[in-house]
Amino acid sequence: MAKERKVVRTEHPHIVRIEGVRGGDEVVEGSSVTVWAIANYWRMGMRPEEIAEELSLPLSHVFDALSYYLDHQADIDRQIEEAKNFTVRYFVDEKGIVHFDKSPKSSGR
């Protein structure tokens, strides 16, 4: 039996936090798309309509995520910076199985 994940609603109708999903970052309800990902697309110059199409989300959900971002800009900007500072490292063992290790980027490498 699958464990029920705790869903924490926010003051925005389409934005939630779900235990164990995207590290607890805010996501669009019914998806695993983070608010910070939508905000980052927007900061790069994408229009909300383009973001909705790219991520297969209703336009109203994208606008709600952008509204959430503007209400919590410092926190979401921090999440964007943290995401930029992560890299995925992996290795393939002798059996051909790929193992992933998400670690912070180290400076000087």
PDB file of N, CA and C in Angstrom:
ATOM      1  N   MET A   1       0.840  -1.175   0.000  1.00  0.00           N
ATOM      2  CA  MET A   1       0.000   0.000   0.000  1.00  0.00           C
ATOM      3  C   MET A   1       0.890   1.245   0.000  1.00  0.00           C
ATOM      4  N   ALA A   2       0.604   2.169  -0.910  1.00  0.00           N
ATOM      5  CA  ALA A   2       1.378   3.403  -1.018  1.00  0.00           C
ATOM      6  C   ALA A   2       1.049   4.341   0.140  1.00  0.00           C
ATOM      7  N   LYS A   3       2.093   4.993   0.612  1.00  0.00           N
ATOM      8  CA  LYS A   3       1.920   5.944   1.712  1.00  0.00           C
ATOM      9  C   LYS A   3       1.294   7.232   1.174  1.00  0.00           C
ATOM     10  N   GLU A   4       0.288   7.734   1.881  1.00  0.00           N
ATOM     11  CA  GLU A   4      -0.323   9.018   1.530  1.00  0.00           C
ATOM     12  C   GLU A   4       0.668  10.127   1.860  1.00  0.00           C
ATOM     13  N   ARG A   5       0.859  11.032   0.937  1.00  0.00           N
ATOM     14  CA  ARG A   5       1.762  12.157   1.169  1.00  0.00           C
ATOM     15  C   ARG A   5       0.976  13.345   1.696  1.00  0.00           C
ATOM     16  N   LYS A   6       1.581  14.038   2.643  1.00  0.00           N
ATOM     17  CA  LYS A   6       0.928  15.197   3.244  1.00  0.00           C
ATOM     18  C   LYS A   6       0.960  16.367   2.259  1.00  0.00           C
ATOM     19  N   VAL A   7      -0.211  16.919   1.973  1.00  0.00           N
ATOM     20  CA  VAL A   7      -0.346  18.067   1.081  1.00  0.00           C
ATOM     21  C   VAL A   7      -0.632  19.302   1.928  1.00  0.00           C
ATOM     22  N   VAL A   8       0.191  20.325   1.747  1.00  0.00           N
ATOM     23  CA  VAL A   8      -0.003  21.590   2.451  1.00  0.00           C
ATOM     24  C   VAL A   8      -0.474  22.619   1.429  1.00  0.00           C
ATOM     25  N   ARG A   9      -1.665  23.126   1.624  1.00  0.00           N
ATOM     26  CA  ARG A   9      -2.231  24.126   0.718  1.00  0.00           C
ATOM     27  C   ARG A   9      -1.600  25.486   1.019  1.00  0.00           C
ATOM     28  N   THR A  10      -1.537  26.324   0.025  1.00  0.00           N
ATOM     29  CA  THR A  10      -1.045  27.689   0.205  1.00  0.00           C
ATOM     30  C   THR A  10      -2.221  28.646   0.029  1.00  0.00           C
ATOM     31  N   GLU A  11      -1.947  29.928   0.132  1.00  0.00           N
ATOM     32  CA  GLU A  11      -2.995  30.923  -0.064  1.00  0.00           C
ATOM     33  C   GLU A  11      -3.375  31.072  -1.539  1.00  0.00           C
ATOM     34  N   HIS A  12      -2.666  30.378  -2.413  1.00  0.00           N
ATOM     35  CA  HIS A  12      -2.954  30.393  -3.857  1.00  0.00           C
ATOM     36  C   HIS A  12      -3.618  29.067  -4.224  1.00  0.00           C
ATOM     37  N   PRO A  13      -4.745  29.104  -4.914  1.00  0.00           N
ATOM     38  CA  PRO A  13      -5.559  27.895  -5.096  1.00  0.00           C
ATOM     39  C   PRO A  13      -4.894  26.744  -5.845  1.00  0.00           C
ATOM     40  N   HIS A  14      -3.935  27.022  -6.717  1.00  0.00           N
ATOM     41  CA  HIS A  14      -3.326  25.954  -7.514  1.00  0.00           C
ATOM     42  C   HIS A  14      -1.916  25.589  -7.052  1.00  0.00           C
ATOM     43  N   ILE A  15      -1.467  26.158  -5.942  1.00  0.00           N
ATOM     44  CA  ILE A  15      -0.098  25.951  -5.473  1.00  0.00           C
ATOM     45  C   ILE A  15      -0.114  25.219  -4.135  1.00  0.00           C
ATOM     46  N   VAL A  16       0.648  24.113  -4.068  1.00  0.00           N
ATOM     47  CA  VAL A  16       0.715  23.290  -2.861  1.00  0.00           C
ATOM     48  C   VAL A  16       2.162  22.893  -2.588  1.00  0.00           C
ATOM     49  N   ARG A  17       2.379  22.401  -1.380  1.00  0.00           N
ATOM     50  CA  ARG A  17       3.627  21.724  -1.016  1.00  0.00           C
ATOM     51  C   ARG A  17       3.239  20.292  -0.691  1.00  0.00           C
ATOM     52  N   ILE A  18       3.984  19.336  -1.220  1.00  0.00           N
ATOM     53  CA  ILE A  18       3.675  17.930  -0.991  1.00  0.00           C
ATOM     54  C   ILE A  18       4.908  17.255  -0.408  1.00  0.00           C
ATOM     55  N   GLU A  19       4.716  16.634   0.734  1.00  0.00           N
ATOM     56  CA  GLU A  19       5.801  15.926   1.407  1.00  0.00           C
ATOM     57  C   GLU A  19       6.439  14.936   0.434  1.00  0.00           C
ATOM     58  N   GLY A  20       7.753  15.035   0.263  1.00  0.00           N
ATOM     59  CA  GLY A  20       8.476  14.098  -0.582  1.00  0.00           C
ATOM     60  C   GLY A  20       8.465  14.414  -2.069  1.00  0.00           C
ATOM     61  N   VAL A  21       7.850  15.521  -2.469  1.00  0.00           N
ATOM     62  CA  VAL A  21       7.826  15.909  -3.881  1.00  0.00           C
ATOM     63  C   VAL A  21       8.640  17.185  -4.044  1.00  0.00           C
ATOM     64  N   ARG A  22       9.661  17.121  -4.882  1.00  0.00           N
ATOM     65  CA  ARG A  22      10.513  18.278  -5.179  1.00  0.00           C
ATOM     66  C   ARG A  22      11.074  18.926  -3.918  1.00  0.00           C
ATOM     67  N   GLY A  23      11.428  18.088  -2.956  1.00  0.00           N
ATOM     68  CA  GLY A  23      12.051  18.585  -1.732  1.00  0.00           C
ATOM     69  C   GLY A  23      11.156  19.480  -0.895  1.00  0.00           C
ATOM     70  N   GLY A  24       9.856  19.389  -1.112  1.00  0.00           N
ATOM     71  CA  GLY A  24       8.926  20.222  -0.359  1.00  0.00           C
ATOM     72  C   GLY A  24       8.734  21.613  -0.936  1.00  0.00           C
ATOM     73  N   ASP A  25       9.386  21.877  -2.091  1.00  0.00           N
ATOM     74  CA  ASP A  25       9.178  23.171  -2.747  1.00  0.00           C
ATOM     75  C   ASP A  25       7.743  23.258  -3.250  1.00  0.00           C
ATOM     76  N   GLU A  26       7.277  24.452  -3.462  1.00  0.00           N
ATOM     77  CA  GLU A  26       5.920  24.684  -3.931  1.00  0.00           C
ATOM     78  C   GLU A  26       5.778  24.176  -5.364  1.00  0.00           C
ATOM     79  N   VAL A  27       4.695  23.440  -5.620  1.00  0.00           N
ATOM     80  CA  VAL A  27       4.424  22.900  -6.950  1.00  0.00           C
ATOM     81  C   VAL A  27       3.010  23.265  -7.375  1.00  0.00           C
ATOM     82  N   VAL A  28       2.777  23.168  -8.678  1.00  0.00           N
ATOM     83  CA  VAL A  28       1.434  23.340  -9.208  1.00  0.00           C
ATOM     84  C   VAL A  28       0.663  22.068  -8.882  1.00  0.00           C
ATOM     85  N   GLU A  29      -0.483  22.218  -8.245  1.00  0.00           N
ATOM     86  CA  GLU A  29      -1.282  21.062  -7.835  1.00  0.00           C
ATOM     87  C   GLU A  29      -1.586  20.172  -9.035  1.00  0.00           C
ATOM     88  N   GLY A  30      -1.452  18.869  -8.827  1.00  0.00           N
ATOM     89  CA  GLY A  30      -1.708  17.905  -9.888  1.00  0.00           C
ATOM     90  C   GLY A  30      -0.515  17.678 -10.800  1.00  0.00           C
ATOM     91  N   SER A  31       0.620  18.274 -10.455  1.00  0.00           N
ATOM     92  CA  SER A  31       1.832  18.111 -11.260  1.00  0.00           C
ATOM     93  C   SER A  31       3.033  18.077 -10.321  1.00  0.00           C
ATOM     94  N   SER A  32       4.198  17.900 -10.903  1.00  0.00           N
ATOM     95  CA  SER A  32       5.421  18.027 -10.107  1.00  0.00           C
ATOM     96  C   SER A  32       6.214  19.252 -10.559  1.00  0.00           C
ATOM     97  N   VAL A  33       5.552  20.167 -11.260  1.00  0.00           N
ATOM     98  CA  VAL A  33       6.196  21.390 -11.746  1.00  0.00           C
ATOM     99  C   VAL A  33       6.299  22.387 -10.597  1.00  0.00           C
ATOM    100  N   THR A  34       7.522  22.832 -10.329  1.00  0.00           N
ATOM    101  CA  THR A  34       7.738  23.771  -9.231  1.00  0.00           C
ATOM    102  C   THR A  34       7.417  25.205  -9.648  1.00  0.00           C
ATOM    103  N   VAL A  35       7.059  25.994  -8.644  1.00  0.00           N
ATOM    104  CA  VAL A  35       6.858  27.428  -8.874  1.00  0.00           C
ATOM    105  C   VAL A  35       8.161  28.049  -9.356  1.00  0.00           C
ATOM    106  N   TRP A  36       9.290  27.615  -8.777  1.00  0.00           N
ATOM    107  CA  TRP A  36      10.557  28.222  -9.173  1.00  0.00           C
ATOM    108  C   TRP A  36      10.884  27.935 -10.629  1.00  0.00           C
ATOM    109  N   ALA A  37      10.487  26.786 -11.161  1.00  0.00           N
ATOM    110  CA  ALA A  37      10.740  26.487 -12.579  1.00  0.00           C
ATOM    111  C   ALA A  37       9.937  27.434 -13.469  1.00  0.00           C
ATOM    112  N   ILE A  38       8.673  27.644 -13.113  1.00  0.00           N
ATOM    113  CA  ILE A  38       7.825  28.563 -13.880  1.00  0.00           C
ATOM    114  C   ILE A  38       8.377  29.980 -13.784  1.00  0.00           C
ATOM    115  N   ALA A  39       8.755  30.396 -12.578  1.00  0.00           N
ATOM    116  CA  ALA A  39       9.313  31.738 -12.388  1.00  0.00           C
ATOM    117  C   ALA A  39      10.597  31.910 -13.191  1.00  0.00           C
ATOM    118  N   ASN A  40      11.401  30.877 -13.242  1.00  0.00           N
ATOM    119  CA  ASN A  40      12.656  30.959 -13.978  1.00  0.00           C
ATOM    120  C   ASN A  40      12.401  31.114 -15.477  1.00  0.00           C
ATOM    121  N   TYR A  41      11.455  30.355 -16.020  1.00  0.00           N
ATOM    122  CA  TYR A  41      11.084  30.534 -17.432  1.00  0.00           C
ATOM    123  C   TYR A  41      10.645  31.978 -17.678  1.00  0.00           C
ATOM    124  N   TRP A  42       9.819  32.495 -16.795  1.00  0.00           N
ATOM    125  CA  TRP A  42       9.292  33.855 -16.933  1.00  0.00           C
ATOM    126  C   TRP A  42      10.419  34.879 -16.869  1.00  0.00           C
ATOM    127  N   ARG A  43      11.352  34.680 -15.925  1.00  0.00           N
ATOM    128  CA  ARG A  43      12.498  35.596 -15.797  1.00  0.00           C
ATOM    129  C   ARG A  43      13.382  35.563 -17.040  1.00  0.00           C
ATOM    130  N   MET A  44      13.371  34.426 -17.750  1.00  0.00           N
ATOM    131  CA  MET A  44      14.160  34.305 -18.984  1.00  0.00           C
ATOM    132  C   MET A  44      13.434  34.913 -20.184  1.00  0.00           C
ATOM    133  N   GLY A  45      12.222  35.421 -19.977  1.00  0.00           N
ATOM    134  CA  GLY A  45      11.517  36.112 -21.038  1.00  0.00           C
ATOM    135  C   GLY A  45      10.377  35.354 -21.692  1.00  0.00           C
ATOM    136  N   MET A  46      10.079  34.150 -21.218  1.00  0.00           N
ATOM    137  CA  MET A  46       8.947  33.415 -21.791  1.00  0.00           C
ATOM    138  C   MET A  46       7.636  34.028 -21.324  1.00  0.00           C
ATOM    139  N   ARG A  47       6.678  34.081 -22.222  1.00  0.00           N
ATOM    140  CA  ARG A  47       5.337  34.563 -21.875  1.00  0.00           C
ATOM    141  C   ARG A  47       4.585  33.455 -21.138  1.00  0.00           C
ATOM    142  N   PRO A  48       3.640  33.809 -20.277  1.00  0.00           N
ATOM    143  CA  PRO A  48       2.862  32.787 -19.561  1.00  0.00           C
ATOM    144  C   PRO A  48       2.221  31.759 -20.500  1.00  0.00           C
ATOM    145  N   GLU A  49       1.742  32.202 -21.655  1.00  0.00           N
ATOM    146  CA  GLU A  49       1.132  31.279 -22.618  1.00  0.00           C
ATOM    147  C   GLU A  49       2.144  30.255 -23.123  1.00  0.00           C
ATOM    148  N   GLU A  50       3.381  30.697 -23.342  1.00  0.00           N
ATOM    149  CA  GLU A  50       4.438  29.788 -23.791  1.00  0.00           C
ATOM    150  C   GLU A  50       4.805  28.797 -22.692  1.00  0.00           C
ATOM    151  N   ILE A  51       4.860  29.278 -21.468  1.00  0.00           N
ATOM    152  CA  ILE A  51       5.178  28.407 -20.331  1.00  0.00           C
ATOM    153  C   ILE A  51       4.100  27.338 -20.186  1.00  0.00           C
ATOM    154  N   ALA A  52       2.839  27.751 -20.269  1.00  0.00           N
ATOM    155  CA  ALA A  52       1.725  26.801 -20.145  1.00  0.00           C
ATOM    156  C   ALA A  52       1.823  25.719 -21.212  1.00  0.00           C
ATOM    157  N   GLU A  53       2.129  26.123 -22.436  1.00  0.00           N
ATOM    158  CA  GLU A  53       2.248  25.142 -23.521  1.00  0.00           C
ATOM    159  C   GLU A  53       3.447  24.228 -23.301  1.00  0.00           C
ATOM    160  N   GLU A  54       4.577  24.805 -22.947  1.00  0.00           N
ATOM    161  CA  GLU A  54       5.806  24.028 -22.729  1.00  0.00           C
ATOM    162  C   GLU A  54       5.632  22.980 -21.631  1.00  0.00           C
ATOM    163  N   LEU A  55       4.933  23.345 -20.555  1.00  0.00           N
ATOM    164  CA  LEU A  55       4.804  22.465 -19.389  1.00  0.00           C
ATOM    165  C   LEU A  55       3.477  21.712 -19.345  1.00  0.00           C
ATOM    166  N   SER A  56       2.653  21.883 -20.372  1.00  0.00           N
ATOM    167  CA  SER A  56       1.338  21.218 -20.448  1.00  0.00           C
ATOM    168  C   SER A  56       0.493  21.511 -19.206  1.00  0.00           C
ATOM    169  N   LEU A  57       0.415  22.800 -18.872  1.00  0.00           N
ATOM    170  CA  LEU A  57      -0.368  23.241 -17.717  1.00  0.00           C
ATOM    171  C   LEU A  57      -1.452  24.208 -18.177  1.00  0.00           C
ATOM    172  N   PRO A  58      -2.571  24.253 -17.457  1.00  0.00           N
ATOM    173  CA  PRO A  58      -3.566  25.284 -17.756  1.00  0.00           C
ATOM    174  C   PRO A  58      -2.964  26.675 -17.520  1.00  0.00           C
ATOM    175  N   LEU A  59      -3.327  27.614 -18.354  1.00  0.00           N
ATOM    176  CA  LEU A  59      -2.801  28.970 -18.236  1.00  0.00           C
ATOM    177  C   LEU A  59      -3.100  29.568 -16.863  1.00  0.00           C
ATOM    178  N   SER A  60      -4.275  29.271 -16.316  1.00  0.00           N
ATOM    179  CA  SER A  60      -4.624  29.807 -14.992  1.00  0.00           C
ATOM    180  C   SER A  60      -3.657  29.319 -13.917  1.00  0.00           C
ATOM    181  N   HIS A  61      -3.145  28.097 -14.055  1.00  0.00           N
ATOM    182  CA  HIS A  61      -2.191  27.565 -13.082  1.00  0.00           C
ATOM    183  C   HIS A  61      -0.845  28.286 -13.196  1.00  0.00           C
ATOM    184  N   VAL A  62      -0.447  28.593 -14.423  1.00  0.00           N
ATOM    185  CA  VAL A  62       0.805  29.327 -14.628  1.00  0.00           C
ATOM    186  C   VAL A  62       0.690  30.730 -14.028  1.00  0.00           C
ATOM    187  N   PHE A  63      -0.421  31.410 -14.285  1.00  0.00           N
ATOM    188  CA  PHE A  63      -0.608  32.742 -13.699  1.00  0.00           C
ATOM    189  C   PHE A  63      -0.637  32.671 -12.172  1.00  0.00           C
ATOM    190  N   ASP A  64      -1.230  31.625 -11.612  1.00  0.00           N
ATOM    191  CA  ASP A  64      -1.252  31.485 -10.157  1.00  0.00           C
ATOM    192  C   ASP A  64       0.162  31.274  -9.625  1.00  0.00           C
ATOM    193  N   ALA A  65       0.958  30.471 -10.333  1.00  0.00           N
ATOM    194  CA  ALA A  65       2.349  30.257  -9.921  1.00  0.00           C
ATOM    195  C   ALA A  65       3.138  31.563  -9.984  1.00  0.00           C
ATOM    196  N   LEU A  66       2.906  32.357 -11.025  1.00  0.00           N
ATOM    197  CA  LEU A  66       3.600  33.645 -11.125  1.00  0.00           C
ATOM    198  C   LEU A  66       3.146  34.608 -10.033  1.00  0.00           C
ATOM    199  N   SER A  67       1.872  34.576  -9.702  1.00  0.00           N
ATOM    200  CA  SER A  67       1.365  35.394  -8.601  1.00  0.00           C
ATOM    201  C   SER A  67       2.009  34.964  -7.287  1.00  0.00           C
ATOM    202  N   TYR A  68       2.110  33.643  -7.076  1.00  0.00           N
ATOM    203  CA  TYR A  68       2.759  33.128  -5.869  1.00  0.00           C
ATOM    204  C   TYR A  68       4.213  33.604  -5.838  1.00  0.00           C
ATOM    205  N   TYR A  69       4.881  33.499  -6.983  1.00  0.00           N
ATOM    206  CA  TYR A  69       6.270  33.951  -7.072  1.00  0.00           C
ATOM    207  C   TYR A  69       6.399  35.417  -6.660  1.00  0.00           C
ATOM    208  N   LEU A  70       5.540  36.269  -7.194  1.00  0.00           N
ATOM    209  CA  LEU A  70       5.625  37.692  -6.877  1.00  0.00           C
ATOM    210  C   LEU A  70       5.325  37.970  -5.405  1.00  0.00           C
ATOM    211  N   ASP A  71       4.476  37.156  -4.793  1.00  0.00           N
ATOM    212  CA  ASP A  71       4.182  37.305  -3.363  1.00  0.00           C
ATOM    213  C   ASP A  71       5.306  36.783  -2.473  1.00  0.00           C
ATOM    214  N   HIS A  72       6.142  35.887  -3.009  1.00  0.00           N
ATOM    215  CA  HIS A  72       7.195  35.223  -2.225  1.00  0.00           C
ATOM    216  C   HIS A  72       8.525  35.262  -2.982  1.00  0.00           C
ATOM    217  N   GLN A  73       8.801  36.378  -3.613  1.00  0.00           N
ATOM    218  CA  GLN A  73       9.912  36.460  -4.554  1.00  0.00           C
ATOM    219  C   GLN A  73      11.266  36.109  -3.941  1.00  0.00           C
ATOM    220  N   ALA A  74      11.567  36.587  -2.761  1.00  0.00           N
ATOM    221  CA  ALA A  74      12.876  36.309  -2.156  1.00  0.00           C
ATOM    222  C   ALA A  74      13.069  34.810  -1.940  1.00  0.00           C
ATOM    223  N   ASP A  75      12.050  34.128  -1.432  1.00  0.00           N
ATOM    224  CA  ASP A  75      12.153  32.683  -1.194  1.00  0.00           C
ATOM    225  C   ASP A  75      12.298  31.907  -2.497  1.00  0.00           C
ATOM    226  N   ILE A  76      11.507  32.272  -3.500  1.00  0.00           N
ATOM    227  CA  ILE A  76      11.555  31.543  -4.770  1.00  0.00           C
ATOM    228  C   ILE A  76      12.867  31.832  -5.496  1.00  0.00           C
ATOM    229  N   ASP A  77      13.352  33.062  -5.442  1.00  0.00           N
ATOM    230  CA  ASP A  77      14.655  33.372  -6.037  1.00  0.00           C
ATOM    231  C   ASP A  77      15.758  32.541  -5.382  1.00  0.00           C
ATOM    232  N   ARG A  78      15.664  32.337  -4.067  1.00  0.00           N
ATOM    233  CA  ARG A  78      16.641  31.495  -3.362  1.00  0.00           C
ATOM    234  C   ARG A  78      16.569  30.065  -3.884  1.00  0.00           C
ATOM    235  N   GLN A  79      15.350  29.542  -4.098  1.00  0.00           N
ATOM    236  CA  GLN A  79      15.189  28.187  -4.624  1.00  0.00           C
ATOM    237  C   GLN A  79      15.798  28.071  -6.023  1.00  0.00           C
ATOM    238  N   ILE A  80      15.633  29.111  -6.836  1.00  0.00           N
ATOM    239  CA  ILE A  80      16.221  29.103  -8.181  1.00  0.00           C
ATOM    240  C   ILE A  80      17.738  29.033  -8.079  1.00  0.00           C
ATOM    241  N   GLU A  81      18.327  29.833  -7.207  1.00  0.00           N
ATOM    242  CA  GLU A  81      19.783  29.820  -7.035  1.00  0.00           C
ATOM    243  C   GLU A  81      20.266  28.474  -6.508  1.00  0.00           C
ATOM    244  N   GLU A  82      19.531  27.883  -5.565  1.00  0.00           N
ATOM    245  CA  GLU A  82      19.905  26.564  -5.046  1.00  0.00           C
ATOM    246  C   GLU A  82      19.866  25.525  -6.159  1.00  0.00           C
ATOM    247  N   ALA A  83      18.863  25.604  -7.022  1.00  0.00           N
ATOM    248  CA  ALA A  83      18.756  24.650  -8.128  1.00  0.00           C
ATOM    249  C   ALA A  83      19.932  24.805  -9.089  1.00  0.00           C
ATOM    250  N   LYS A  84      20.378  26.025  -9.305  1.00  0.00           N
ATOM    251  CA  LYS A  84      21.521  26.256 -10.190  1.00  0.00           C
ATOM    252  C   LYS A  84      22.805  25.701  -9.591  1.00  0.00           C
ATOM    253  N   ASN A  85      22.866  25.585  -8.270  1.00  0.00           N
ATOM    254  CA  ASN A  85      24.070  25.122  -7.591  1.00  0.00           C
ATOM    255  C   ASN A  85      24.117  23.614  -7.397  1.00  0.00           C
ATOM    256  N   PHE A  86      23.167  22.898  -8.010  1.00  0.00           N
ATOM    257  CA  PHE A  86      23.181  21.444  -7.922  1.00  0.00           C
ATOM    258  C   PHE A  86      23.525  20.845  -9.273  1.00  0.00           C
ATOM    259  N   THR A  87      24.240  19.774  -9.222  1.00  0.00           N
ATOM    260  CA  THR A  87      24.561  19.016 -10.420  1.00  0.00           C
ATOM    261  C   THR A  87      24.257  17.558 -10.124  1.00  0.00           C
ATOM    262  N   VAL A  88      24.022  16.800 -11.139  1.00  0.00           N
ATOM    263  CA  VAL A  88      23.768  15.374 -10.952  1.00  0.00           C
ATOM    264  C   VAL A  88      25.026  14.624 -11.360  1.00  0.00           C
ATOM    265  N   ARG A  89      25.545  13.853 -10.433  1.00  0.00           N
ATOM    266  CA  ARG A  89      26.699  13.003 -10.710  1.00  0.00           C
ATOM    267  C   ARG A  89      26.206  11.569 -10.804  1.00  0.00           C
ATOM    268  N   TYR A  90      26.840  10.805 -11.660  1.00  0.00           N
ATOM    269  CA  TYR A  90      26.430   9.414 -11.788  1.00  0.00           C
ATOM    270  C   TYR A  90      27.630   8.551 -12.151  1.00  0.00           C
ATOM    271  N   PHE A  91      27.468   7.268 -11.931  1.00  0.00           N
ATOM    272  CA  PHE A  91      28.458   6.311 -12.396  1.00  0.00           C
ATOM    273  C   PHE A  91      27.732   5.035 -12.778  1.00  0.00           C
ATOM    274  N   VAL A  92      28.382   4.262 -13.629  1.00  0.00           N
ATOM    275  CA  VAL A  92      27.827   2.990 -14.073  1.00  0.00           C
ATOM    276  C   VAL A  92      28.663   1.895 -13.431  1.00  0.00           C
ATOM    277  N   ASP A  93      27.995   0.994 -12.706  1.00  0.00           N
ATOM    278  CA  ASP A  93      28.740  -0.081 -12.056  1.00  0.00           C
ATOM    279  C   ASP A  93      29.062  -1.192 -13.053  1.00  0.00           C
ATOM    280  N   GLU A  94      29.765  -2.223 -12.576  1.00  0.00           N
ATOM    281  CA  GLU A  94      30.212  -3.313 -13.448  1.00  0.00           C
ATOM    282  C   GLU A  94      29.066  -4.091 -14.089  1.00  0.00           C
ATOM    283  N   LYS A  95      27.860  -3.986 -13.534  1.00  0.00           N
ATOM    284  CA  LYS A  95      26.691  -4.660 -14.103  1.00  0.00           C
ATOM    285  C   LYS A  95      25.943  -3.765 -15.091  1.00  0.00           C
ATOM    286  N   GLY A  96      26.437  -2.552 -15.300  1.00  0.00           N
ATOM    287  CA  GLY A  96      25.791  -1.634 -16.226  1.00  0.00           C
ATOM    288  C   GLY A  96      24.656  -0.835 -15.614  1.00  0.00           C
ATOM    289  N   ILE A  97      24.544  -0.871 -14.293  1.00  0.00           N
ATOM    290  CA  ILE A  97      23.487  -0.126 -13.605  1.00  0.00           C
ATOM    291  C   ILE A  97      23.980   1.292 -13.328  1.00  0.00           C
ATOM    292  N   VAL A  98      23.148   2.262 -13.676  1.00  0.00           N
ATOM    293  CA  VAL A  98      23.496   3.665 -13.462  1.00  0.00           C
ATOM    294  C   VAL A  98      23.064   4.069 -12.058  1.00  0.00           C
ATOM    295  N   HIS A  99      23.980   4.699 -11.328  1.00  0.00           N
ATOM    296  CA  HIS A  99      23.714   5.200  -9.979  1.00  0.00           C
ATOM    297  C   HIS A  99      23.870   6.715 -10.002  1.00  0.00           C
ATOM    298  N   PHE A 100      22.881   7.421  -9.448  1.00  0.00           N
ATOM    299  CA  PHE A 100      22.894   8.879  -9.429  1.00  0.00           C
ATOM    300  C   PHE A 100      23.169   9.385  -8.024  1.00  0.00           C
ATOM    301  N   ASP A 101      23.886  10.492  -7.946  1.00  0.00           N
ATOM    302  CA  ASP A 101      24.169  11.163  -6.683  1.00  0.00           C
ATOM    303  C   ASP A 101      24.031  12.652  -6.925  1.00  0.00           C
ATOM    304  N   LYS A 102      22.982  13.258  -6.364  1.00  0.00           N
ATOM    305  CA  LYS A 102      22.813  14.708  -6.494  1.00  0.00           C
ATOM    306  C   LYS A 102      23.605  15.370  -5.382  1.00  0.00           C
ATOM    307  N   SER A 103      24.604  16.123  -5.768  1.00  0.00           N
ATOM    308  CA  SER A 103      25.465  16.784  -4.793  1.00  0.00           C
ATOM    309  C   SER A 103      25.639  18.242  -5.181  1.00  0.00           C
ATOM    310  N   PRO A 104      25.877  19.089  -4.187  1.00  0.00           N
ATOM    311  CA  PRO A 104      26.147  20.490  -4.527  1.00  0.00           C
ATOM    312  C   PRO A 104      27.396  20.590  -5.389  1.00  0.00           C
ATOM    313  N   LYS A 105      27.393  21.520  -6.325  1.00  0.00           N
ATOM    314  CA  LYS A 105      28.593  21.770  -7.114  1.00  0.00           C
ATOM    315  C   LYS A 105      29.678  22.243  -6.170  1.00  0.00           C
ATOM    316  N   SER A 106      30.845  21.718  -6.352  1.00  0.00           N
ATOM    317  CA  SER A 106      31.951  22.194  -5.525  1.00  0.00           C
ATOM    318  C   SER A 106      32.728  23.226  -6.322  1.00  0.00           C
ATOM    319  N   SER A 107      33.181  24.249  -5.643  1.00  0.00           N
ATOM    320  CA  SER A 107      33.939  25.282  -6.340  1.00  0.00           C
ATOM    321  C   SER A 107      35.338  24.765  -6.612  1.00  0.00           C
ATOM    322  N   GLY A 108      35.892  25.205  -7.715  1.00  0.00           N
ATOM    323  CA  GLY A 108      37.244  24.823  -8.043  1.00  0.00           C
ATOM    324  C   GLY A 108      37.359  23.543  -8.833  1.00  0.00           C
ATOM    325  N   ARG A 109      36.274  22.910  -9.222  1.00  0.00           N
ATOM    326  CA  ARG A 109      36.348  21.691 -10.039  1.00  0.00           C
ATOM    327  C   ARG A 109      36.059  21.997 -11.466  1.00  0.00           C
TER     328      ARG A 109
END
